[in-house]
Amino acid sequence: LEAGSSRLINQVATPLISKSAGMYWRKAEEEACLQQVADLIKERSPRIVVMAGAGISTASGIPDFRSPGSGLYSNLQKYRLPYPEAAFELDYFQQNPAPFYDIVTSLWPGRHRPTATHRFMRMLHESGLLQRVYTQNIDGLEVAAGLPSELVVPVHGSFETCHVLGRPGVEVPIAELKGALDAGGEGWQALADRHGGLVKPSIVFFGEPLPKRFHELYQRDLAACDLLIV
């Protein structure tokens, strides 16, 4: 690892490693643990798997879901949803797709920049240590930071592809959906008329199965890794 890697590890790992058995560690204990992690990475070159959530992208300006006041669910009142999660449910999407389309437009890849955590994961890859990243995020910042797509498993899907609801196997170029959303309500309605159904990016909604690739890889990756960073 290049010089200064311990400092970056500590900077990134501090918000990632914060609890043990449901109790917060004292600062000294936390620092000692983080130093052990840094030493392990430097001295033993372990195979590392990272499991990441929304918190790694908040520094780029993307809200998480559940933080009171600033989270996505706290700022959906304007859509008059029956409950916040409805925006990501298939039944509601088919009745009223406008809230979801509006939300994903603000999250679309290219609007935000990778954070220190994303750069940390790229550093692990460049050092030959990163086995895989499993991310709940749909923002694509792992790949934007320089990680090869084969090392990233977006557990909740991504914007790489999109398809027509109710027409299995019928895919639409993602650029076509982006252009329709940029045109507003008339754009996505015209897109639905053109393809015979609403077009949805390959993002996992509540009740939908996780991507096939997740099920193909996670058991093997977890069995083979030496260090799991959550």
Protein backbone atom coordinates (compact mmCIF):
# COMPACT_ATOMS: atom_id res chain seq x y z
CA LEU A 1 0.00 0.00 0.00
CA GLU A 2 1.17 3.50 -0.74
CA ALA A 3 2.25 5.90 2.00
CA GLY A 4 -0.59 7.40 4.00
CA SER A 5 -2.86 4.40 3.53
CA SER A 6 -3.29 3.95 7.29
CA ARG A 7 -4.59 7.49 7.55
CA LEU A 8 -7.11 6.89 4.78
CA ILE A 9 -8.15 3.57 6.29
CA ASN A 10 -8.76 5.27 9.63
CA GLN A 11 -10.62 8.16 8.01
CA VAL A 12 -12.98 5.86 6.17
CA ALA A 13 -13.28 3.08 8.69
CA THR A 14 -14.27 5.36 11.57
CA PRO A 15 -17.88 5.79 10.40
CA LEU A 16 -18.04 2.20 9.13
CA ILE A 17 -16.86 0.41 12.26
CA SER A 18 -18.68 1.95 15.18
CA LYS A 19 -20.62 -0.68 17.12
CA SER A 20 -19.87 -3.95 18.91
CA ALA A 21 -22.63 -6.12 20.43
CA GLY A 22 -24.96 -3.16 20.24
CA MET A 23 -22.78 -0.86 22.37
CA TYR A 24 -20.64 2.07 21.20
CA TRP A 25 -16.96 1.67 21.81
CA ARG A 26 -15.06 4.32 23.69
CA LYS A 27 -12.78 6.43 21.56
CA ALA A 28 -9.57 4.74 22.73
CA GLU A 29 -10.97 1.27 22.09
CA GLU A 30 -12.21 2.34 18.67
CA GLU A 31 -8.85 3.80 17.70
CA ALA A 32 -7.08 0.64 18.87
CA CYS A 33 -9.43 -1.50 16.78
CA LEU A 34 -9.00 0.68 13.71
CA GLN A 35 -5.23 0.51 14.10
CA GLN A 36 -5.47 -3.28 14.23
CA VAL A 37 -7.48 -3.25 11.01
CA ALA A 38 -4.93 -0.94 9.36
CA ASP A 39 -2.05 -3.16 10.54
CA LEU A 40 -3.84 -6.27 9.28
CA ILE A 41 -4.33 -4.75 5.85
CA LYS A 42 -0.71 -3.58 5.61
CA GLU A 43 1.00 -6.66 7.03
CA ARG A 44 -1.11 -9.61 5.91
CA SER A 45 -2.57 -8.48 2.57
CA PRO A 46 -5.95 -10.08 3.32
CA ARG A 47 -8.68 -10.80 0.80
CA ILE A 48 -11.26 -8.12 1.55
CA VAL A 49 -14.99 -7.99 0.96
CA VAL A 50 -16.80 -4.70 1.56
CA MET A 51 -20.53 -4.44 2.27
CA ALA A 52 -21.67 -0.83 1.88
CA GLY A 53 -24.87 1.10 2.46
CA ALA A 54 -26.27 4.56 1.84
CA GLY A 55 -24.00 6.21 4.41
CA ILE A 56 -20.96 6.03 2.13
CA SER A 57 -22.62 8.33 -0.42
CA THR A 58 -24.14 11.01 1.79
CA ALA A 59 -20.95 13.11 1.60
CA SER A 60 -21.53 13.39 -2.15
CA GLY A 61 -24.92 14.98 -1.55
CA ILE A 62 -27.09 11.88 -1.92
CA PRO A 63 -29.47 11.50 1.05
CA ASP A 64 -29.83 8.20 2.83
CA PHE A 65 -33.30 6.82 3.33
CA ARG A 66 -34.12 6.96 7.02
CA SER A 67 -32.19 9.79 8.72
CA PRO A 68 -34.76 12.06 10.44
CA GLY A 69 -35.07 15.38 8.69
CA SER A 70 -32.50 14.83 5.95
CA GLY A 71 -33.30 11.29 4.77
CA LEU A 72 -35.18 10.59 1.57
CA TYR A 73 -38.22 9.27 3.41
CA SER A 74 -38.47 12.50 5.42
CA ASN A 75 -38.71 14.62 2.26
CA LEU A 76 -41.40 12.90 0.24
CA GLN A 77 -44.39 14.82 1.59
CA LYS A 78 -44.86 16.71 -1.68
CA TYR A 79 -45.78 13.44 -3.41
CA ARG A 80 -48.62 12.71 -0.96
CA LEU A 81 -47.68 9.06 -0.76
CA PRO A 82 -49.74 6.75 1.47
CA TYR A 83 -46.41 5.86 3.16
CA PRO A 84 -42.80 6.62 2.13
CA GLU A 85 -41.92 3.13 0.91
CA ALA A 86 -44.79 3.25 -1.62
CA ALA A 87 -42.56 5.10 -4.09
CA PHE A 88 -40.52 1.89 -4.39
CA GLU A 89 -43.36 -0.62 -4.62
CA LEU A 90 -44.46 -2.09 -7.94
CA ASP A 91 -48.20 -1.82 -7.30
CA TYR A 92 -47.97 1.87 -6.47
CA PHE A 93 -45.51 2.55 -9.30
CA GLN A 94 -47.98 1.12 -11.81
CA GLN A 95 -50.72 3.39 -10.46
CA ASN A 96 -48.59 6.52 -10.04
CA PRO A 97 -45.05 6.36 -11.47
CA ALA A 98 -44.38 10.10 -11.19
CA PRO A 99 -42.87 10.09 -7.65
CA PHE A 100 -40.40 7.31 -8.48
CA TYR A 101 -39.39 8.90 -11.77
CA ASP A 102 -38.82 12.23 -10.05
CA ILE A 103 -36.71 10.62 -7.30
CA VAL A 104 -34.48 8.61 -9.63
CA THR A 105 -33.87 11.64 -11.82
CA SER A 106 -32.12 13.27 -8.85
CA LEU A 107 -30.12 10.08 -8.17
CA TRP A 108 -29.10 9.43 -11.78
CA PRO A 109 -25.43 8.45 -12.25
CA GLY A 110 -23.21 11.35 -13.24
CA ARG A 111 -24.86 13.91 -10.96
CA HIS A 112 -22.62 13.14 -7.96
CA ARG A 113 -18.96 12.49 -7.28
CA PRO A 114 -17.36 9.58 -5.38
CA THR A 115 -16.47 10.09 -1.72
CA ALA A 116 -13.42 9.16 0.36
CA THR A 117 -14.98 5.76 1.02
CA HIS A 118 -15.26 5.04 -2.69
CA ARG A 119 -11.63 6.09 -3.16
CA PHE A 120 -10.65 3.83 -0.26
CA MET A 121 -12.25 0.86 -2.01
CA ARG A 122 -10.45 1.76 -5.22
CA MET A 123 -7.17 1.86 -3.26
CA LEU A 124 -7.88 -1.65 -1.97
CA HIS A 125 -8.44 -2.80 -5.55
CA GLU A 126 -5.28 -1.13 -6.85
CA SER A 127 -3.35 -2.86 -4.06
CA GLY A 128 -4.70 -6.26 -5.11
CA LEU A 129 -6.69 -6.74 -1.90
CA LEU A 130 -10.31 -6.21 -2.90
CA GLN A 131 -12.27 -9.35 -3.61
CA ARG A 132 -15.72 -7.79 -4.00
CA VAL A 133 -17.95 -4.87 -3.02
CA TYR A 134 -21.58 -5.55 -2.21
CA THR A 135 -23.46 -2.27 -2.20
CA GLN A 136 -27.04 -1.37 -1.39
CA ASN A 137 -26.62 1.84 -3.37
CA ILE A 138 -27.95 2.46 -6.86
CA ASP A 139 -25.83 5.57 -7.51
CA GLY A 140 -23.01 3.79 -9.39
CA LEU A 141 -20.31 5.70 -7.51
CA GLU A 142 -18.22 2.59 -6.94
CA VAL A 143 -17.65 2.22 -10.68
CA ALA A 144 -17.36 5.99 -11.10
CA ALA A 145 -14.51 5.90 -8.57
CA GLY A 146 -12.61 3.45 -10.77
CA LEU A 147 -13.68 0.00 -9.58
CA PRO A 148 -14.15 -2.59 -12.34
CA SER A 149 -17.82 -3.46 -12.67
CA GLU A 150 -17.06 -7.16 -12.16
CA LEU A 151 -15.93 -6.38 -8.60
CA VAL A 152 -19.15 -4.57 -7.71
CA VAL A 153 -22.45 -6.28 -6.89
CA PRO A 154 -25.24 -3.67 -6.69
CA VAL A 155 -27.58 -5.65 -4.46
CA HIS A 156 -30.52 -3.31 -5.06
CA GLY A 157 -29.94 -3.10 -8.79
CA SER A 158 -28.61 -0.29 -10.93
CA PHE A 159 -29.21 2.01 -13.89
CA GLU A 160 -27.27 -0.21 -16.28
CA THR A 161 -30.42 -1.58 -17.95
CA CYS A 162 -34.16 -0.99 -17.97
CA HIS A 163 -37.18 -2.97 -19.09
CA VAL A 164 -40.89 -2.71 -19.82
CA LEU A 165 -43.21 -3.81 -17.03
CA GLY A 166 -45.52 -6.62 -18.07
CA ARG A 167 -43.43 -7.49 -21.11
CA PRO A 168 -40.78 -9.99 -19.95
CA GLY A 169 -37.52 -9.74 -21.84
CA VAL A 170 -38.33 -6.41 -23.49
CA GLU A 171 -35.49 -4.04 -22.67
CA VAL A 172 -35.17 -0.35 -23.48
CA PRO A 173 -31.86 1.53 -23.84
CA ILE A 174 -31.18 3.35 -20.60
CA ALA A 175 -30.40 6.54 -22.54
CA GLU A 176 -33.93 6.46 -23.95
CA LEU A 177 -35.42 6.38 -20.45
CA LYS A 178 -33.10 9.18 -19.34
CA GLY A 179 -34.20 11.35 -22.25
CA ALA A 180 -37.85 10.68 -21.47
CA LEU A 181 -37.43 11.59 -17.80
CA ASP A 182 -35.60 14.78 -18.71
CA ALA A 183 -38.72 15.74 -20.70
CA GLY A 184 -40.93 15.39 -17.62
CA GLY A 185 -44.35 13.77 -17.40
CA GLU A 186 -45.08 13.99 -21.10
CA GLY A 187 -41.76 12.29 -21.81
CA TRP A 188 -42.25 9.18 -19.69
CA GLN A 189 -45.90 8.88 -20.72
CA ALA A 190 -44.89 8.94 -24.39
CA LEU A 191 -42.21 6.35 -23.64
CA ALA A 192 -44.79 4.06 -22.03
CA ASP A 193 -47.12 4.46 -25.01
CA ARG A 194 -44.29 3.71 -27.42
CA HIS A 195 -43.24 0.49 -25.68
CA GLY A 196 -46.59 -0.76 -24.43
CA GLY A 197 -45.92 -0.30 -20.73
CA LEU A 198 -44.09 1.67 -18.09
CA VAL A 199 -40.30 1.51 -18.38
CA LYS A 200 -38.42 0.82 -15.17
CA PRO A 201 -34.65 0.79 -14.56
CA SER A 202 -33.29 -2.44 -13.10
CA ILE A 203 -33.63 -1.19 -9.53
CA VAL A 204 -34.97 -3.67 -6.97
CA PHE A 205 -38.34 -2.64 -5.55
CA PHE A 206 -39.81 -3.93 -2.30
CA GLY A 207 -40.96 -7.51 -2.83
CA GLU A 208 -38.73 -8.11 -5.85
CA PRO A 209 -35.92 -10.71 -5.76
CA LEU A 210 -32.31 -9.60 -5.45
CA PRO A 211 -30.21 -9.85 -8.62
CA LYS A 212 -29.14 -13.31 -9.75
CA ARG A 213 -25.48 -12.29 -9.54
CA PHE A 214 -25.78 -11.65 -5.81
CA HIS A 215 -26.96 -15.22 -5.19
CA GLU A 216 -24.24 -16.60 -7.45
CA LEU A 217 -21.38 -14.88 -5.63
CA TYR A 218 -22.03 -14.00 -2.01
CA GLN A 219 -21.52 -17.40 -0.37
CA ARG A 220 -18.28 -18.04 -2.23
CA ASP A 221 -16.96 -14.54 -1.58
CA LEU A 222 -17.74 -14.59 2.14
CA ALA A 223 -16.21 -18.04 2.55
CA ALA A 224 -12.99 -16.95 0.83
CA CYS A 225 -12.47 -13.52 2.38
CA ASP A 226 -10.13 -12.81 5.31
CA LEU A 227 -11.58 -9.42 6.23
CA LEU A 228 -15.16 -8.21 5.94
CA ILE A 229 -15.70 -4.44 6.17
CA VAL A 230 -19.30 -3.41 6.76
